Each structure stands twice: as structure tokens, then as C-alpha cells.
Amino acid sequence: MAGNARYTAVLDACVLYQLAIADSLMSIAVTGLFAAKWTTKIEEEWVRSLEKDRPELKGRLGSRRDNM
């Protein structure tokens, strides 16, 4: 989870799936504008969906997930 702010945003799998959108939101959260939150279930969903659609990424998203 990224950020620590007065406002909290729950990021769904559809947002975290899109790498450019997820990166943008994480960058904004790090500035403190809002705290980005998601559940383990949401995390598993975006990883599973991305690995399904882009098989070359299978098993390679762990570090990205951990950094988020």
C-alpha cells in the first residue's frame, strides 16, 4: 500500500491491471495526496488477469507487487 494522507482511495484490480495507470496513481500516492489501499483479493485478481493476458509475465510480477 502506498501513501499516507488524509484521503484514502481503494484501488480496484481494473486500475492496478493497467501498468501506466497504476504507476501514475502510485506516484501521486507517494506524494501524500492520498493513501492508496487494496485488498489481497484485489492484488491476486490483477496479477492473475495480467498473467493470463500476458503469459510472458507469468511469475515475474512478484517484485512489482512487493514494491507497490
PDB file of N, CA and C in Angstrom:
ATOM      1  N   MET A   1       0.836  -1.163   0.000  1.00  0.00           N
ATOM      2  CA  MET A   1       0.000   0.000   0.000  1.00  0.00           C
ATOM      3  C   MET A   1       0.894   1.243   0.000  1.00  0.00           C
ATOM      4  N   ALA A   2       0.503   2.218  -0.766  1.00  0.00           N
ATOM      5  CA  ALA A   2       1.331   3.406  -0.930  1.00  0.00           C
ATOM      6  C   ALA A   2       0.650   4.643  -0.355  1.00  0.00           C
ATOM      7  N   GLY A   3       1.467   5.522   0.193  1.00  0.00           N
ATOM      8  CA  GLY A   3       0.976   6.817   0.639  1.00  0.00           C
ATOM      9  C   GLY A   3       0.425   6.815   2.049  1.00  0.00           C
ATOM     10  N   ASN A   4       0.357   8.004   2.605  1.00  0.00           N
ATOM     11  CA  ASN A   4      -0.196   8.198   3.940  1.00  0.00           C
ATOM     12  C   ASN A   4      -0.769   9.609   3.953  1.00  0.00           C
ATOM     13  N   ALA A   5      -2.066   9.717   3.840  1.00  0.00           N
ATOM     14  CA  ALA A   5      -2.675  11.026   3.693  1.00  0.00           C
ATOM     15  C   ALA A   5      -4.036  11.070   4.370  1.00  0.00           C
ATOM     16  N   ARG A   6      -4.623  12.219   4.317  1.00  0.00           N
ATOM     17  CA  ARG A   6      -5.937  12.418   4.901  1.00  0.00           C
ATOM     18  C   ARG A   6      -7.008  11.636   4.139  1.00  0.00           C
ATOM     19  N   TYR A   7      -6.822  11.498   2.837  1.00  0.00           N
ATOM     20  CA  TYR A   7      -7.788  10.794   1.998  1.00  0.00           C
ATOM     21  C   TYR A   7      -7.266   9.406   1.650  1.00  0.00           C
ATOM     22  N   THR A   8      -8.186   8.466   1.546  1.00  0.00           N
ATOM     23  CA  THR A   8      -7.841   7.104   1.186  1.00  0.00           C
ATOM     24  C   THR A   8      -8.608   6.721  -0.066  1.00  0.00           C
ATOM     25  N   ALA A   9      -7.913   6.065  -0.993  1.00  0.00           N
ATOM     26  CA  ALA A   9      -8.547   5.566  -2.211  1.00  0.00           C
ATOM     27  C   ALA A   9      -8.316   4.065  -2.286  1.00  0.00           C
ATOM     28  N   VAL A  10      -9.398   3.322  -2.462  1.00  0.00           N
ATOM     29  CA  VAL A  10      -9.276   1.882  -2.674  1.00  0.00           C
ATOM     30  C   VAL A  10      -9.119   1.673  -4.169  1.00  0.00           C
ATOM     31  N   LEU A  11      -7.983   1.094  -4.553  1.00  0.00           N
ATOM     32  CA  LEU A  11      -7.694   0.858  -5.961  1.00  0.00           C
ATOM     33  C   LEU A  11      -8.123  -0.558  -6.318  1.00  0.00           C
ATOM     34  N   ASP A  12      -9.004  -0.675  -7.284  1.00  0.00           N
ATOM     35  CA  ASP A  12      -9.521  -1.974  -7.705  1.00  0.00           C
ATOM     36  C   ASP A  12      -8.570  -2.601  -8.729  1.00  0.00           C
ATOM     37  N   ALA A  13      -8.786  -3.878  -8.996  1.00  0.00           N
ATOM     38  CA  ALA A  13      -7.933  -4.628  -9.924  1.00  0.00           C
ATOM     39  C   ALA A  13      -7.926  -4.006 -11.314  1.00  0.00           C
ATOM     40  N   CYS A  14      -9.045  -3.435 -11.745  1.00  0.00           N
ATOM     41  CA  CYS A  14      -9.094  -2.841 -13.084  1.00  0.00           C
ATOM     42  C   CYS A  14      -8.148  -1.644 -13.208  1.00  0.00           C
ATOM     43  N   VAL A  15      -7.872  -0.977 -12.108  1.00  0.00           N
ATOM     44  CA  VAL A  15      -6.935   0.146 -12.103  1.00  0.00           C
ATOM     45  C   VAL A  15      -5.497  -0.364 -11.976  1.00  0.00           C
ATOM     46  N   LEU A  16      -5.280  -1.346 -11.118  1.00  0.00           N
ATOM     47  CA  LEU A  16      -3.933  -1.875 -10.905  1.00  0.00           C
ATOM     48  C   LEU A  16      -3.443  -2.709 -12.081  1.00  0.00           C
ATOM     49  N   TYR A  17      -4.351  -3.250 -12.874  1.00  0.00           N
ATOM     50  CA  TYR A  17      -4.010  -4.057 -14.047  1.00  0.00           C
ATOM     51  C   TYR A  17      -3.278  -3.219 -15.083  1.00  0.00           C
ATOM     52  N   GLN A  18      -3.748  -2.011 -15.312  1.00  0.00           N
ATOM     53  CA  GLN A  18      -3.151  -1.113 -16.304  1.00  0.00           C
ATOM     54  C   GLN A  18      -1.877  -0.505 -15.720  1.00  0.00           C
ATOM     55  N   LEU A  19      -0.723  -0.950 -16.212  1.00  0.00           N
ATOM     56  CA  LEU A  19       0.543  -0.556 -15.605  1.00  0.00           C
ATOM     57  C   LEU A  19       0.753   0.954 -15.576  1.00  0.00           C
ATOM     58  N   ALA A  20       0.420   1.645 -16.656  1.00  0.00           N
ATOM     59  CA  ALA A  20       0.625   3.098 -16.695  1.00  0.00           C
ATOM     60  C   ALA A  20      -0.270   3.807 -15.676  1.00  0.00           C
ATOM     61  N   ILE A  21      -1.519   3.364 -15.570  1.00  0.00           N
ATOM     62  CA  ILE A  21      -2.438   3.973 -14.604  1.00  0.00           C
ATOM     63  C   ILE A  21      -1.986   3.672 -13.181  1.00  0.00           C
ATOM     64  N   ALA A  22      -1.622   2.416 -12.926  1.00  0.00           N
ATOM     65  CA  ALA A  22      -1.156   2.039 -11.587  1.00  0.00           C
ATOM     66  C   ALA A  22       0.090   2.829 -11.211  1.00  0.00           C
ATOM     67  N   ASP A  23       1.036   2.961 -12.138  1.00  0.00           N
ATOM     68  CA  ASP A  23       2.253   3.732 -11.861  1.00  0.00           C
ATOM     69  C   ASP A  23       1.931   5.187 -11.553  1.00  0.00           C
ATOM     70  N   SER A  24       1.019   5.764 -12.319  1.00  0.00           N
ATOM     71  CA  SER A  24       0.639   7.159 -12.084  1.00  0.00           C
ATOM     72  C   SER A  24       0.003   7.337 -10.711  1.00  0.00           C
ATOM     73  N   LEU A  25      -0.920   6.448 -10.370  1.00  0.00           N
ATOM     74  CA  LEU A  25      -1.581   6.545  -9.067  1.00  0.00           C
ATOM     75  C   LEU A  25      -0.610   6.308  -7.915  1.00  0.00           C
ATOM     76  N   MET A  26       0.322   5.382  -8.077  1.00  0.00           N
ATOM     77  CA  MET A  26       1.325   5.139  -7.030  1.00  0.00           C
ATOM     78  C   MET A  26       2.211   6.367  -6.849  1.00  0.00           C
ATOM     79  N   SER A  27       2.579   6.999  -7.956  1.00  0.00           N
ATOM     80  CA  SER A  27       3.408   8.212  -7.874  1.00  0.00           C
ATOM     81  C   SER A  27       2.686   9.331  -7.133  1.00  0.00           C
ATOM     82  N   ILE A  28       1.410   9.490  -7.421  1.00  0.00           N
ATOM     83  CA  ILE A  28       0.621  10.524  -6.735  1.00  0.00           C
ATOM     84  C   ILE A  28       0.469  10.175  -5.251  1.00  0.00           C
ATOM     85  N   ALA A  29       0.236   8.905  -4.952  1.00  0.00           N
ATOM     86  CA  ALA A  29       0.081   8.487  -3.555  1.00  0.00           C
ATOM     87  C   ALA A  29       1.356   8.730  -2.759  1.00  0.00           C
ATOM     88  N   VAL A  30       2.502   8.500  -3.370  1.00  0.00           N
ATOM     89  CA  VAL A  30       3.776   8.696  -2.678  1.00  0.00           C
ATOM     90  C   VAL A  30       3.967  10.163  -2.285  1.00  0.00           C
ATOM     91  N   THR A  31       3.373  11.077  -3.037  1.00  0.00           N
ATOM     92  CA  THR A  31       3.488  12.499  -2.688  1.00  0.00           C
ATOM     93  C   THR A  31       2.670  12.846  -1.456  1.00  0.00           C
ATOM     94  N   GLY A  32       1.762  11.938  -1.057  1.00  0.00           N
ATOM     95  CA  GLY A  32       0.951  12.180   0.130  1.00  0.00           C
ATOM     96  C   GLY A  32      -0.421  12.755  -0.156  1.00  0.00           C
ATOM     97  N   LEU A  33      -0.778  12.890  -1.428  1.00  0.00           N
ATOM     98  CA  LEU A  33      -2.090  13.441  -1.774  1.00  0.00           C
ATOM     99  C   LEU A  33      -3.215  12.525  -1.301  1.00  0.00           C
ATOM    100  N   PHE A  34      -2.989  11.228  -1.372  1.00  0.00           N
ATOM    101  CA  PHE A  34      -3.953  10.257  -0.857  1.00  0.00           C
ATOM    102  C   PHE A  34      -3.208   8.980  -0.507  1.00  0.00           C
ATOM    103  N   ALA A  35      -3.851   8.147   0.291  1.00  0.00           N
ATOM    104  CA  ALA A  35      -3.295   6.837   0.628  1.00  0.00           C
ATOM    105  C   ALA A  35      -3.957   5.803  -0.270  1.00  0.00           C
ATOM    106  N   ALA A  36      -3.156   5.053  -0.998  1.00  0.00           N
ATOM    107  CA  ALA A  36      -3.669   4.013  -1.887  1.00  0.00           C
ATOM    108  C   ALA A  36      -3.776   2.707  -1.109  1.00  0.00           C
ATOM    109  N   LYS A  37      -4.943   2.089  -1.176  1.00  0.00           N
ATOM    110  CA  LYS A  37      -5.183   0.828  -0.467  1.00  0.00           C
ATOM    111  C   LYS A  37      -5.832  -0.167  -1.403  1.00  0.00           C
ATOM    112  N   TRP A  38      -5.615  -1.450  -1.124  1.00  0.00           N
ATOM    113  CA  TRP A  38      -6.285  -2.533  -1.826  1.00  0.00           C
ATOM    114  C   TRP A  38      -6.193  -3.772  -0.963  1.00  0.00           C
ATOM    115  N   THR A  39      -6.994  -4.743  -1.288  1.00  0.00           N
ATOM    116  CA  THR A  39      -7.024  -5.984  -0.523  1.00  0.00           C
ATOM    117  C   THR A  39      -6.147  -7.030  -1.193  1.00  0.00           C
ATOM    118  N   THR A  40      -5.888  -8.100  -0.475  1.00  0.00           N
ATOM    119  CA  THR A  40      -5.144  -9.222  -1.041  1.00  0.00           C
ATOM    120  C   THR A  40      -5.917  -9.820  -2.215  1.00  0.00           C
ATOM    121  N   LYS A  41      -7.231  -9.859  -2.098  1.00  0.00           N
ATOM    122  CA  LYS A  41      -8.059 -10.388  -3.175  1.00  0.00           C
ATOM    123  C   LYS A  41      -7.926  -9.536  -4.437  1.00  0.00           C
ATOM    124  N   ILE A  42      -7.927  -8.221  -4.292  1.00  0.00           N
ATOM    125  CA  ILE A  42      -7.742  -7.315  -5.434  1.00  0.00           C
ATOM    126  C   ILE A  42      -6.365  -7.536  -6.040  1.00  0.00           C
ATOM    127  N   GLU A  43      -5.363  -7.660  -5.203  1.00  0.00           N
ATOM    128  CA  GLU A  43      -3.991  -7.886  -5.661  1.00  0.00           C
ATOM    129  C   GLU A  43      -3.893  -9.185  -6.470  1.00  0.00           C
ATOM    130  N   GLU A  44      -4.471 -10.240  -5.948  1.00  0.00           N
ATOM    131  CA  GLU A  44      -4.444 -11.531  -6.646  1.00  0.00           C
ATOM    132  C   GLU A  44      -5.167 -11.448  -7.986  1.00  0.00           C
ATOM    133  N   GLU A  45      -6.251 -10.678  -8.031  1.00  0.00           N
ATOM    134  CA  GLU A  45      -7.025 -10.550  -9.270  1.00  0.00           C
ATOM    135  C   GLU A  45      -6.233  -9.854 -10.367  1.00  0.00           C
ATOM    136  N   TRP A  46      -5.578  -8.722 -10.055  1.00  0.00           N
ATOM    137  CA  TRP A  46      -4.847  -8.034 -11.115  1.00  0.00           C
ATOM    138  C   TRP A  46      -3.645  -8.847 -11.575  1.00  0.00           C
ATOM    139  N   VAL A  47      -2.968  -9.536 -10.663  1.00  0.00           N
ATOM    140  CA  VAL A  47      -1.826 -10.368 -11.051  1.00  0.00           C
ATOM    141  C   VAL A  47      -2.303 -11.519 -11.941  1.00  0.00           C
ATOM    142  N   ARG A  48      -3.350 -12.202 -11.526  1.00  0.00           N
ATOM    143  CA  ARG A  48      -3.892 -13.333 -12.290  1.00  0.00           C
ATOM    144  C   ARG A  48      -4.342 -12.883 -13.683  1.00  0.00           C
ATOM    145  N   SER A  49      -5.035 -11.756 -13.765  1.00  0.00           N
ATOM    146  CA  SER A  49      -5.528 -11.255 -15.052  1.00  0.00           C
ATOM    147  C   SER A  49      -4.385 -10.849 -15.972  1.00  0.00           C
ATOM    148  N   LEU A  50      -3.403 -10.180 -15.418  1.00  0.00           N
ATOM    149  CA  LEU A  50      -2.269  -9.743 -16.232  1.00  0.00           C
ATOM    150  C   LEU A  50      -1.458 -10.939 -16.730  1.00  0.00           C
ATOM    151  N   GLU A  51      -1.262 -11.942 -15.875  1.00  0.00           N
ATOM    152  CA  GLU A  51      -0.542 -13.139 -16.296  1.00  0.00           C
ATOM    153  C   GLU A  51      -1.329 -13.924 -17.347  1.00  0.00           C
ATOM    154  N   LYS A  52      -2.641 -13.899 -17.266  1.00  0.00           N
ATOM    155  CA  LYS A  52      -3.477 -14.592 -18.251  1.00  0.00           C
ATOM    156  C   LYS A  52      -3.369 -13.905 -19.610  1.00  0.00           C
ATOM    157  N   ASP A  53      -3.450 -12.570 -19.605  1.00  0.00           N
ATOM    158  CA  ASP A  53      -3.422 -11.816 -20.854  1.00  0.00           C
ATOM    159  C   ASP A  53      -2.021 -11.650 -21.430  1.00  0.00           C
ATOM    160  N   ARG A  54      -1.026 -11.712 -20.561  1.00  0.00           N
ATOM    161  CA  ARG A  54       0.372 -11.557 -20.998  1.00  0.00           C
ATOM    162  C   ARG A  54       1.204 -12.686 -20.396  1.00  0.00           C
ATOM    163  N   PRO A  55       1.118 -13.876 -20.987  1.00  0.00           N
ATOM    164  CA  PRO A  55       1.782 -15.064 -20.428  1.00  0.00           C
ATOM    165  C   PRO A  55       3.284 -14.898 -20.212  1.00  0.00           C
ATOM    166  N   GLU A  56       3.921 -14.012 -20.962  1.00  0.00           N
ATOM    167  CA  GLU A  56       5.364 -13.793 -20.780  1.00  0.00           C
ATOM    168  C   GLU A  56       5.690 -13.167 -19.422  1.00  0.00           C
ATOM    169  N   LEU A  57       4.683 -12.624 -18.734  1.00  0.00           N
ATOM    170  CA  LEU A  57       4.890 -12.022 -17.416  1.00  0.00           C
ATOM    171  C   LEU A  57       4.659 -13.003 -16.261  1.00  0.00           C
ATOM    172  N   LYS A  58       4.199 -14.211 -16.594  1.00  0.00           N
ATOM    173  CA  LYS A  58       3.887 -15.191 -15.552  1.00  0.00           C
ATOM    174  C   LYS A  58       5.109 -15.426 -14.658  1.00  0.00           C
ATOM    175  N   GLY A  59       4.895 -15.266 -13.351  1.00  0.00           N
ATOM    176  CA  GLY A  59       5.953 -15.449 -12.371  1.00  0.00           C
ATOM    177  C   GLY A  59       6.922 -14.284 -12.252  1.00  0.00           C
ATOM    178  N   ARG A  60       6.682 -13.194 -12.998  1.00  0.00           N
ATOM    179  CA  ARG A  60       7.605 -12.056 -12.983  1.00  0.00           C
ATOM    180  C   ARG A  60       7.008 -10.803 -12.352  1.00  0.00           C
ATOM    181  N   LEU A  61       5.825 -10.923 -11.770  1.00  0.00           N
ATOM    182  CA  LEU A  61       5.150  -9.743 -11.210  1.00  0.00           C
ATOM    183  C   LEU A  61       5.324  -9.621  -9.697  1.00  0.00           C
ATOM    184  N   GLY A  62       6.004 -10.574  -9.090  1.00  0.00           N
ATOM    185  CA  GLY A  62       6.172 -10.561  -7.642  1.00  0.00           C
ATOM    186  C   GLY A  62       6.899  -9.333  -7.130  1.00  0.00           C
ATOM    187  N   SER A  63       7.962  -8.922  -7.797  1.00  0.00           N
ATOM    188  CA  SER A  63       8.711  -7.759  -7.317  1.00  0.00           C
ATOM    189  C   SER A  63       7.897  -6.483  -7.490  1.00  0.00           C
ATOM    190  N   ARG A  64       7.153  -6.406  -8.597  1.00  0.00           N
ATOM    191  CA  ARG A  64       6.287  -5.221  -8.795  1.00  0.00           C
ATOM    192  C   ARG A  64       5.238  -5.171  -7.685  1.00  0.00           C
ATOM    193  N   ARG A  65       4.608  -6.301  -7.431  1.00  0.00           N
ATOM    194  CA  ARG A  65       3.590  -6.382  -6.373  1.00  0.00           C
ATOM    195  C   ARG A  65       4.189  -5.984  -5.029  1.00  0.00           C
ATOM    196  N   ASP A  66       5.362  -6.491  -4.713  1.00  0.00           N
ATOM    197  CA  ASP A  66       6.005  -6.194  -3.438  1.00  0.00           C
ATOM    198  C   ASP A  66       6.380  -4.720  -3.324  1.00  0.00           C
ATOM    199  N   ASN A  67       6.815  -4.115  -4.417  1.00  0.00           N
ATOM    200  CA  ASN A  67       7.173  -2.693  -4.400  1.00  0.00           C
ATOM    201  C   ASN A  67       5.965  -1.795  -4.196  1.00  0.00           C
ATOM    202  N   MET A  68       4.813  -2.259  -4.684  1.00  0.00           N
ATOM    203  CA  MET A  68       3.605  -1.469  -4.521  1.00  0.00           C
ATOM    204  C   MET A  68       3.184  -1.471  -3.064  1.00  0.00           C
TER     205      MET A  68
END
